[in-house]
Every structure is written in C-alpha cells, then in structure tokens.
Amino acid sequence: MIAALRILLNVAVYRLQRLEMANMGGALLIMLALRLSPLDVVVRLGFAFLLNLLVYLNNDFLDLPTDLRSPERDDANTRYLRDHRSAAVGPSSASSARCSSSPACGTSACWSRWSSAAACWLYSARLKHVAGADITAMMVWGAAMLTVAFPPTHVLGWVLAGLLALDSAVFETIQVIRDHDADRDTGVRTTAVALGVPRTLALARGLWSSALPPQPSQSTRWSPSRR
C-alpha cells in the first residue's frame, strides 16, 4: 500500500512540475466557457486528475526500460518504480475502474477513459519513437483528455477541445526539443531528432499560429465614420 501511494505521488509531482497535467487547466477553461455548474466542474476536474494519474502511470510503466537508460530519468523515483512494479498494478487498476465507473460524467467519462488510455498506450509503446507520429499522437491524446470537460453532444466543446489539441501538439514539439540530446543518445527517433531542433522549432511556431483565433484584417476592423 505504501509503495503504491509513493508511486502515485511520484507520478503526480513529476508531471505537475513539468506542466504535463496542463490539460486539466484546459479542461477547466472549457467548463467555464460552457458555464457548467460548480458541482459538475468539481466532479469533472476530479475525474480528469484520476485520468491523468492513470495515463501517466501507464506511460511511466511502459517507458521504464528507456528511462533507466536515460541519464535524465534514471533517478531514485525511476528505480523505485522498477523495484516495485507489482505495486504499480494496483493503483493503475483502481484508477481505471474508478474512471470507468464514474456516474457523474456519463458517456463522456467512458469515452475519455478508453480513448485516452488507447492513445497513451500507442504513444508510449510505439509512436513516441516514430518521427511525426509522436506529435500527431500527442494531439489526439490531448483532445481525448479534454473530452471529460463537456457532454459529447456539445459542439462548442469539441471545437474548443480541437483548438487545445493543437496546443498539445505545440507542447510535444517543445518536449522533444528539450529531450533531443537524451533521445538521440538512447536511440529514440523523435521529430526533433529527425528534423533537428531549428526545423522542429519552426514546426512549433506553425502549430501555435494555427491554434490562435483569426485576427480581423485592417479593412474589416471597425472605424468611426468620417463626415
């Protein structure tokens, strides 16, 4: 029990420090924009936190061999997870069951849980090693994580989730740029390794521009009439 709690705490602290649970902020913004009730917001945020714990715990579990070879990740927490792998199964199963049985979020909870888990597994098991697919998978993952914020029939919710999914793609380009040296040295072929840092940075700028709302042209801006 103590080992399981420590593993969950390590996952939460590490991901929060690296801002990798920022999707919760995006989910909150969507809920505020849609004017959901305070109780609905609290419940959905709680579900989002559990979902983050689940997907990132699974990610760390699948990435364990690579992390142990990486100088940046071969730390005490990584070795603790290696030495207590069986303890990680319990919290992963409990989080999965809790997410799947959440009555408050209805079908959106079910969709978020399974789509996020599938995207996480594919990303961690294979796609993070494939240039181009790493950023695409993270964009899909980002959108799936945000579907907990709104009922699946809400069109505006999907539009906002799509915009924030582009932000997830931008975040992934920053991640692969930051991890460029470690990934190259451990044989992980990310987009940054394949394209190089300057081109990947240009890609991040292009994705960021796509995520911004269109600006009115000078000719369509309002101006007072002249007499």
C-alpha atoms as a PDB file:
ATOM      1  CA  MET A   1       0.000   0.000   0.000  1.00  0.00           C
ATOM      2  CA  ILE A   2       2.787   2.423   0.943  1.00  0.00           C
ATOM      3  CA  ALA A   3       4.689   1.603  -2.246  1.00  0.00           C
ATOM      4  CA  ALA A   4       1.577   2.177  -4.382  1.00  0.00           C
ATOM      5  CA  LEU A   5       0.900   5.552  -2.757  1.00  0.00           C
ATOM      6  CA  ARG A   6       4.503   6.611  -3.211  1.00  0.00           C
ATOM      7  CA  ILE A   7       4.424   5.650  -6.883  1.00  0.00           C
ATOM      8  CA  LEU A   8       1.248   7.702  -7.435  1.00  0.00           C
ATOM      9  CA  LEU A   9       2.747  10.653  -5.563  1.00  0.00           C
ATOM     10  CA  ASN A  10       5.915  10.458  -7.653  1.00  0.00           C
ATOM     11  CA  VAL A  11       3.865  10.413 -10.851  1.00  0.00           C
ATOM     12  CA  ALA A  12       1.744  13.399  -9.788  1.00  0.00           C
ATOM     13  CA  VAL A  13       4.668  15.524  -8.558  1.00  0.00           C
ATOM     14  CA  TYR A  14       6.870  14.835 -11.588  1.00  0.00           C
ATOM     15  CA  ARG A  15       4.130  15.538 -14.123  1.00  0.00           C
ATOM     16  CA  LEU A  16       2.886  18.660 -12.328  1.00  0.00           C
ATOM     17  CA  GLN A  17       6.427  20.039 -12.126  1.00  0.00           C
ATOM     18  CA  ARG A  18       6.842  19.561 -15.874  1.00  0.00           C
ATOM     19  CA  LEU A  19       3.365  21.040 -16.539  1.00  0.00           C
ATOM     20  CA  GLU A  20       2.324  17.789 -18.221  1.00  0.00           C
ATOM     21  CA  MET A  21      -1.043  17.881 -16.441  1.00  0.00           C
ATOM     22  CA  ALA A  22      -1.788  21.234 -18.037  1.00  0.00           C
ATOM     23  CA  ASN A  23      -4.723  19.571 -19.826  1.00  0.00           C
ATOM     24  CA  MET A  24      -6.604  19.989 -16.544  1.00  0.00           C
ATOM     25  CA  GLY A  25      -6.276  23.751 -16.953  1.00  0.00           C
ATOM     26  CA  GLY A  26      -7.580  23.447 -20.498  1.00  0.00           C
ATOM     27  CA  ALA A  27     -10.479  21.326 -19.297  1.00  0.00           C
ATOM     28  CA  LEU A  28     -11.307  23.938 -16.653  1.00  0.00           C
ATOM     29  CA  LEU A  29     -11.314  26.698 -19.261  1.00  0.00           C
ATOM     30  CA  ILE A  30     -13.715  24.697 -21.436  1.00  0.00           C
ATOM     31  CA  MET A  31     -16.039  24.072 -18.488  1.00  0.00           C
ATOM     32  CA  LEU A  32     -16.048  27.757 -17.561  1.00  0.00           C
ATOM     33  CA  ALA A  33     -16.700  28.741 -21.177  1.00  0.00           C
ATOM     34  CA  LEU A  34     -19.651  26.333 -21.307  1.00  0.00           C
ATOM     35  CA  ARG A  35     -20.896  27.616 -17.926  1.00  0.00           C
ATOM     36  CA  LEU A  36     -21.206  24.227 -16.293  1.00  0.00           C
ATOM     37  CA  SER A  37     -22.452  24.119 -12.714  1.00  0.00           C
ATOM     38  CA  PRO A  38     -19.860  24.370  -9.894  1.00  0.00           C
ATOM     39  CA  LEU A  39     -20.590  20.796  -8.798  1.00  0.00           C
ATOM     40  CA  ASP A  40     -20.157  19.500 -12.346  1.00  0.00           C
ATOM     41  CA  VAL A  41     -16.846  21.366 -12.627  1.00  0.00           C
ATOM     42  CA  VAL A  42     -15.516  19.863  -9.381  1.00  0.00           C
ATOM     43  CA  VAL A  43     -16.563  16.334 -10.321  1.00  0.00           C
ATOM     44  CA  ARG A  44     -15.139  16.567 -13.837  1.00  0.00           C
ATOM     45  CA  LEU A  45     -11.842  18.017 -12.564  1.00  0.00           C
ATOM     46  CA  GLY A  46     -11.565  15.180 -10.063  1.00  0.00           C
ATOM     47  CA  PHE A  47     -12.136  12.692 -12.855  1.00  0.00           C
ATOM     48  CA  ALA A  48      -9.560  14.497 -15.008  1.00  0.00           C
ATOM     49  CA  PHE A  49      -6.973  14.189 -12.224  1.00  0.00           C
ATOM     50  CA  LEU A  50      -7.614  10.452 -11.877  1.00  0.00           C
ATOM     51  CA  LEU A  51      -7.387  10.081 -15.640  1.00  0.00           C
ATOM     52  CA  ASN A  52      -4.048  11.896 -15.667  1.00  0.00           C
ATOM     53  CA  LEU A  53      -2.704   9.615 -12.955  1.00  0.00           C
ATOM     54  CA  LEU A  54      -3.822   6.571 -14.924  1.00  0.00           C
ATOM     55  CA  VAL A  55      -2.347   7.526 -18.284  1.00  0.00           C
ATOM     56  CA  TYR A  56       0.931   8.862 -16.897  1.00  0.00           C
ATOM     57  CA  LEU A  57       1.411   5.871 -14.612  1.00  0.00           C
ATOM     58  CA  ASN A  58       0.893   3.603 -17.615  1.00  0.00           C
ATOM     59  CA  ASN A  59       3.278   5.789 -19.611  1.00  0.00           C
ATOM     60  CA  ASP A  60       5.994   5.547 -16.953  1.00  0.00           C
ATOM     61  CA  PHE A  61       5.481   1.801 -16.676  1.00  0.00           C
ATOM     62  CA  LEU A  62       5.854   1.290 -20.437  1.00  0.00           C
ATOM     63  CA  ASP A  63       8.797   3.684 -20.656  1.00  0.00           C
ATOM     64  CA  LEU A  64      10.686   2.130 -17.750  1.00  0.00           C
ATOM     65  CA  PRO A  65      13.401   0.372 -19.823  1.00  0.00           C
ATOM     66  CA  THR A  66      14.104   3.559 -21.802  1.00  0.00           C
ATOM     67  CA  ASP A  67      14.026   5.784 -18.719  1.00  0.00           C
ATOM     68  CA  LEU A  68      16.556   3.573 -16.946  1.00  0.00           C
ATOM     69  CA  ARG A  69      18.949   4.113 -19.863  1.00  0.00           C
ATOM     70  CA  SER A  70      18.405   7.865 -19.920  1.00  0.00           C
ATOM     71  CA  PRO A  71      20.672   9.998 -17.690  1.00  0.00           C
ATOM     72  CA  GLU A  72      17.817  12.491 -17.225  1.00  0.00           C
ATOM     73  CA  ARG A  73      15.299   9.908 -15.997  1.00  0.00           C
ATOM     74  CA  ASP A  74      17.467   7.285 -14.278  1.00  0.00           C
ATOM     75  CA  ASP A  75      16.772   8.731 -10.824  1.00  0.00           C
ATOM     76  CA  ALA A  76      15.602   7.391  -7.461  1.00  0.00           C
ATOM     77  CA  ASN A  77      11.926   7.503  -8.447  1.00  0.00           C
ATOM     78  CA  THR A  78      12.512   5.574 -11.670  1.00  0.00           C
ATOM     79  CA  ARG A  79      14.473   2.908  -9.850  1.00  0.00           C
ATOM     80  CA  TYR A  80      11.775   2.757  -7.171  1.00  0.00           C
ATOM     81  CA  LEU A  81       9.171   2.006  -9.846  1.00  0.00           C
ATOM     82  CA  ARG A  82      11.496  -0.669 -11.270  1.00  0.00           C
ATOM     83  CA  ASP A  83      11.847  -2.303  -7.860  1.00  0.00           C
ATOM     84  CA  HIS A  84       8.090  -2.122  -7.113  1.00  0.00           C
ATOM     85  CA  ARG A  85       6.495  -2.889 -10.472  1.00  0.00           C
ATOM     86  CA  SER A  86       3.846  -5.120  -8.918  1.00  0.00           C
ATOM     87  CA  ALA A  87       2.780  -2.269  -6.626  1.00  0.00           C
ATOM     88  CA  ALA A  88       2.005  -0.109  -9.684  1.00  0.00           C
ATOM     89  CA  VAL A  89      -0.597  -2.589 -10.941  1.00  0.00           C
ATOM     90  CA  GLY A  90      -2.936  -1.900  -8.020  1.00  0.00           C
ATOM     91  CA  PRO A  91      -3.278   1.894  -8.400  1.00  0.00           C
ATOM     92  CA  SER A  92      -3.460   1.567 -12.172  1.00  0.00           C
ATOM     93  CA  SER A  93      -6.348  -0.904 -11.918  1.00  0.00           C
ATOM     94  CA  ALA A  94      -8.069   1.156  -9.223  1.00  0.00           C
ATOM     95  CA  SER A  95      -7.801   4.377 -11.234  1.00  0.00           C
ATOM     96  CA  SER A  96      -9.046   2.590 -14.334  1.00  0.00           C
ATOM     97  CA  ALA A  97     -12.039   1.144 -12.511  1.00  0.00           C
ATOM     98  CA  ARG A  98     -12.855   4.463 -10.889  1.00  0.00           C
ATOM     99  CA  CYS A  99     -12.649   6.299 -14.191  1.00  0.00           C
ATOM    100  CA  SER A 100     -14.761   3.722 -15.999  1.00  0.00           C
ATOM    101  CA  SER A 101     -17.485   3.748 -13.339  1.00  0.00           C
ATOM    102  CA  SER A 102     -17.788   7.498 -12.871  1.00  0.00           C
ATOM    103  CA  PRO A 103     -21.564   8.157 -12.887  1.00  0.00           C
ATOM    104  CA  ALA A 104     -21.323  11.933 -12.934  1.00  0.00           C
ATOM    105  CA  CYS A 105     -19.641  12.372 -16.308  1.00  0.00           C
ATOM    106  CA  GLY A 106     -21.727   9.765 -18.130  1.00  0.00           C
ATOM    107  CA  THR A 107     -20.682   8.733 -21.607  1.00  0.00           C
ATOM    108  CA  SER A 108     -18.048  11.470 -21.803  1.00  0.00           C
ATOM    109  CA  ALA A 109     -16.199   9.773 -18.939  1.00  0.00           C
ATOM    110  CA  CYS A 110     -16.268   6.435 -20.729  1.00  0.00           C
ATOM    111  CA  TRP A 111     -15.066   7.984 -23.984  1.00  0.00           C
ATOM    112  CA  SER A 112     -12.301   9.945 -22.236  1.00  0.00           C
ATOM    113  CA  ARG A 113     -11.092   6.939 -20.293  1.00  0.00           C
ATOM    114  CA  TRP A 114     -10.799   4.495 -23.174  1.00  0.00           C
ATOM    115  CA  SER A 115      -9.678   6.904 -25.899  1.00  0.00           C
ATOM    116  CA  SER A 116      -7.034   8.447 -23.620  1.00  0.00           C
ATOM    117  CA  ALA A 117      -5.794   5.038 -22.499  1.00  0.00           C
ATOM    118  CA  ALA A 118      -5.557   3.825 -26.105  1.00  0.00           C
ATOM    119  CA  ALA A 119      -3.720   6.960 -27.250  1.00  0.00           C
ATOM    120  CA  CYS A 120      -1.399   6.764 -24.232  1.00  0.00           C
ATOM    121  CA  TRP A 121      -0.581   3.106 -24.838  1.00  0.00           C
ATOM    122  CA  LEU A 122       0.078   3.592 -28.552  1.00  0.00           C
ATOM    123  CA  TYR A 123       2.193   6.666 -27.892  1.00  0.00           C
ATOM    124  CA  SER A 124       4.276   5.057 -25.148  1.00  0.00           C
ATOM    125  CA  ALA A 125       4.646   1.643 -26.761  1.00  0.00           C
ATOM    126  CA  ARG A 126       5.493   2.715 -30.280  1.00  0.00           C
ATOM    127  CA  LEU A 127       4.553   6.151 -31.633  1.00  0.00           C
ATOM    128  CA  LYS A 128       6.871   8.239 -29.468  1.00  0.00           C
ATOM    129  CA  HIS A 129       9.726   6.545 -31.323  1.00  0.00           C
ATOM    130  CA  VAL A 130       8.332   7.497 -34.744  1.00  0.00           C
ATOM    131  CA  ALA A 131       9.100  10.953 -36.084  1.00  0.00           C
ATOM    132  CA  GLY A 132       5.908  12.826 -36.932  1.00  0.00           C
ATOM    133  CA  ALA A 133       3.673  10.264 -35.249  1.00  0.00           C
ATOM    134  CA  ASP A 134       4.858  11.427 -31.831  1.00  0.00           C
ATOM    135  CA  ILE A 135       3.355  14.897 -32.287  1.00  0.00           C
ATOM    136  CA  THR A 136       0.218  13.597 -34.029  1.00  0.00           C
ATOM    137  CA  ALA A 137      -0.422  11.051 -31.270  1.00  0.00           C
ATOM    138  CA  MET A 138       0.018  13.710 -28.602  1.00  0.00           C
ATOM    139  CA  MET A 139      -2.503  15.917 -30.374  1.00  0.00           C
ATOM    140  CA  VAL A 140      -5.035  13.056 -30.397  1.00  0.00           C
ATOM    141  CA  TRP A 141      -4.211  12.289 -26.782  1.00  0.00           C
ATOM    142  CA  GLY A 142      -4.694  15.945 -25.838  1.00  0.00           C
ATOM    143  CA  ALA A 143      -8.121  16.053 -27.458  1.00  0.00           C
ATOM    144  CA  ALA A 144      -9.164  12.790 -25.813  1.00  0.00           C
ATOM    145  CA  MET A 145      -8.113  14.008 -22.369  1.00  0.00           C
ATOM    146  CA  LEU A 146     -10.241  17.136 -22.776  1.00  0.00           C
ATOM    147  CA  THR A 147     -13.465  15.343 -23.680  1.00  0.00           C
ATOM    148  CA  VAL A 148     -14.127  14.861 -19.968  1.00  0.00           C
ATOM    149  CA  ALA A 149     -14.871  18.606 -19.786  1.00  0.00           C
ATOM    150  CA  PHE A 150     -18.160  18.533 -21.710  1.00  0.00           C
ATOM    151  CA  PRO A 151     -21.063  16.296 -22.764  1.00  0.00           C
ATOM    152  CA  PRO A 152     -20.275  14.526 -26.056  1.00  0.00           C
ATOM    153  CA  THR A 153     -23.220  16.224 -27.803  1.00  0.00           C
ATOM    154  CA  HIS A 154     -21.853  19.723 -27.143  1.00  0.00           C
ATOM    155  CA  VAL A 155     -20.483  21.057 -30.455  1.00  0.00           C
ATOM    156  CA  LEU A 156     -18.702  24.048 -28.913  1.00  0.00           C
ATOM    157  CA  GLY A 157     -16.938  21.725 -26.503  1.00  0.00           C
ATOM    158  CA  TRP A 158     -15.492  19.739 -29.415  1.00  0.00           C
ATOM    159  CA  VAL A 159     -14.359  22.950 -31.144  1.00  0.00           C
ATOM    160  CA  LEU A 160     -12.570  24.162 -28.006  1.00  0.00           C
ATOM    161  CA  ALA A 161     -11.038  20.719 -27.451  1.00  0.00           C
ATOM    162  CA  GLY A 162      -9.746  20.777 -31.020  1.00  0.00           C
ATOM    163  CA  LEU A 163      -8.055  24.140 -30.508  1.00  0.00           C
ATOM    164  CA  LEU A 164      -6.443  22.971 -27.276  1.00  0.00           C
ATOM    165  CA  ALA A 165      -5.361  19.761 -29.005  1.00  0.00           C
ATOM    166  CA  LEU A 166      -3.214  21.937 -31.265  1.00  0.00           C
ATOM    167  CA  ASP A 167      -1.690  23.385 -28.096  1.00  0.00           C
ATOM    168  CA  SER A 168      -0.887  19.813 -27.024  1.00  0.00           C
ATOM    169  CA  ALA A 169       0.951  19.329 -30.306  1.00  0.00           C
ATOM    170  CA  VAL A 170       2.926  22.515 -29.643  1.00  0.00           C
ATOM    171  CA  PHE A 171       3.759  21.272 -26.159  1.00  0.00           C
ATOM    172  CA  GLU A 172       5.002  17.969 -27.584  1.00  0.00           C
ATOM    173  CA  THR A 173       7.315  19.756 -30.011  1.00  0.00           C
ATOM    174  CA  ILE A 174       8.781  21.633 -27.041  1.00  0.00           C
ATOM    175  CA  GLN A 175       9.150  18.350 -25.171  1.00  0.00           C
ATOM    176  CA  VAL A 176      11.010  16.610 -27.983  1.00  0.00           C
ATOM    177  CA  ILE A 177      13.248  19.651 -28.431  1.00  0.00           C
ATOM    178  CA  ARG A 178      14.060  19.627 -24.717  1.00  0.00           C
ATOM    179  CA  ASP A 179      14.766  15.870 -24.792  1.00  0.00           C
ATOM    180  CA  HIS A 180      16.628  15.974 -28.107  1.00  0.00           C
ATOM    181  CA  ASP A 181      20.072  15.056 -26.805  1.00  0.00           C
ATOM    182  CA  ALA A 182      18.883  12.299 -24.467  1.00  0.00           C
ATOM    183  CA  ASP A 183      16.602  10.796 -27.148  1.00  0.00           C
ATOM    184  CA  ARG A 184      19.357  10.870 -29.749  1.00  0.00           C
ATOM    185  CA  ASP A 185      21.827   9.223 -27.397  1.00  0.00           C
ATOM    186  CA  THR A 186      19.374   6.456 -26.427  1.00  0.00           C
ATOM    187  CA  GLY A 187      18.242   5.753 -29.992  1.00  0.00           C
ATOM    188  CA  VAL A 188      14.762   7.294 -29.701  1.00  0.00           C
ATOM    189  CA  ARG A 189      13.931   8.845 -33.087  1.00  0.00           C
ATOM    190  CA  THR A 190      11.567  11.696 -32.325  1.00  0.00           C
ATOM    191  CA  THR A 191      10.588  14.514 -34.648  1.00  0.00           C
ATOM    192  CA  ALA A 192      13.323  16.699 -33.132  1.00  0.00           C
ATOM    193  CA  VAL A 193      15.940  14.014 -33.772  1.00  0.00           C
ATOM    194  CA  ALA A 194      14.763  13.507 -37.360  1.00  0.00           C
ATOM    195  CA  LEU A 195      14.307  17.181 -38.318  1.00  0.00           C
ATOM    196  CA  GLY A 196      16.759  18.859 -35.995  1.00  0.00           C
ATOM    197  CA  VAL A 197      15.993  21.491 -33.394  1.00  0.00           C
ATOM    198  CA  PRO A 198      15.655  24.549 -35.703  1.00  0.00           C
ATOM    199  CA  ARG A 199      13.103  22.887 -38.014  1.00  0.00           C
ATOM    200  CA  THR A 200      11.164  21.431 -35.089  1.00  0.00           C
ATOM    201  CA  LEU A 201      11.028  24.882 -33.526  1.00  0.00           C
ATOM    202  CA  ALA A 202       9.649  26.244 -36.797  1.00  0.00           C
ATOM    203  CA  LEU A 203       7.032  23.482 -36.720  1.00  0.00           C
ATOM    204  CA  ALA A 204       6.063  24.508 -33.188  1.00  0.00           C
ATOM    205  CA  ARG A 205       5.595  28.082 -34.331  1.00  0.00           C
ATOM    206  CA  GLY A 206       3.423  26.953 -37.220  1.00  0.00           C
ATOM    207  CA  LEU A 207       1.226  24.822 -34.963  1.00  0.00           C
ATOM    208  CA  TRP A 208       0.944  27.661 -32.477  1.00  0.00           C
ATOM    209  CA  SER A 209      -0.180  30.032 -35.232  1.00  0.00           C
ATOM    210  CA  SER A 210      -2.839  27.500 -36.266  1.00  0.00           C
ATOM    211  CA  ALA A 211      -4.159  27.369 -32.708  1.00  0.00           C
ATOM    212  CA  LEU A 212      -4.625  31.146 -32.491  1.00  0.00           C
ATOM    213  CA  PRO A 213      -8.004  32.649 -33.433  1.00  0.00           C
ATOM    214  CA  PRO A 214      -8.007  34.510 -36.745  1.00  0.00           C
ATOM    215  CA  GLN A 215      -7.283  38.215 -36.477  1.00  0.00           C
ATOM    216  CA  PRO A 216      -9.504  40.664 -38.350  1.00  0.00           C
ATOM    217  CA  SER A 217      -7.831  42.300 -41.308  1.00  0.00           C
ATOM    218  CA  GLN A 218      -7.218  46.038 -41.338  1.00  0.00           C
ATOM    219  CA  SER A 219     -10.008  46.558 -43.863  1.00  0.00           C
ATOM    220  CA  THR A 220     -12.623  44.755 -41.751  1.00  0.00           C
ATOM    221  CA  ARG A 221     -11.816  46.425 -38.449  1.00  0.00           C
ATOM    222  CA  TRP A 222     -14.378  48.912 -37.213  1.00  0.00           C
ATOM    223  CA  SER A 223     -13.554  52.541 -37.576  1.00  0.00           C
ATOM    224  CA  PRO A 224     -15.706  55.588 -36.924  1.00  0.00           C
ATOM    225  CA  SER A 225     -17.380  57.031 -39.966  1.00  0.00           C
ATOM    226  CA  ARG A 226     -15.941  60.193 -41.389  1.00  0.00           C
ATOM    227  CA  ARG A 227     -18.111  63.100 -42.299  1.00  0.00           C
END
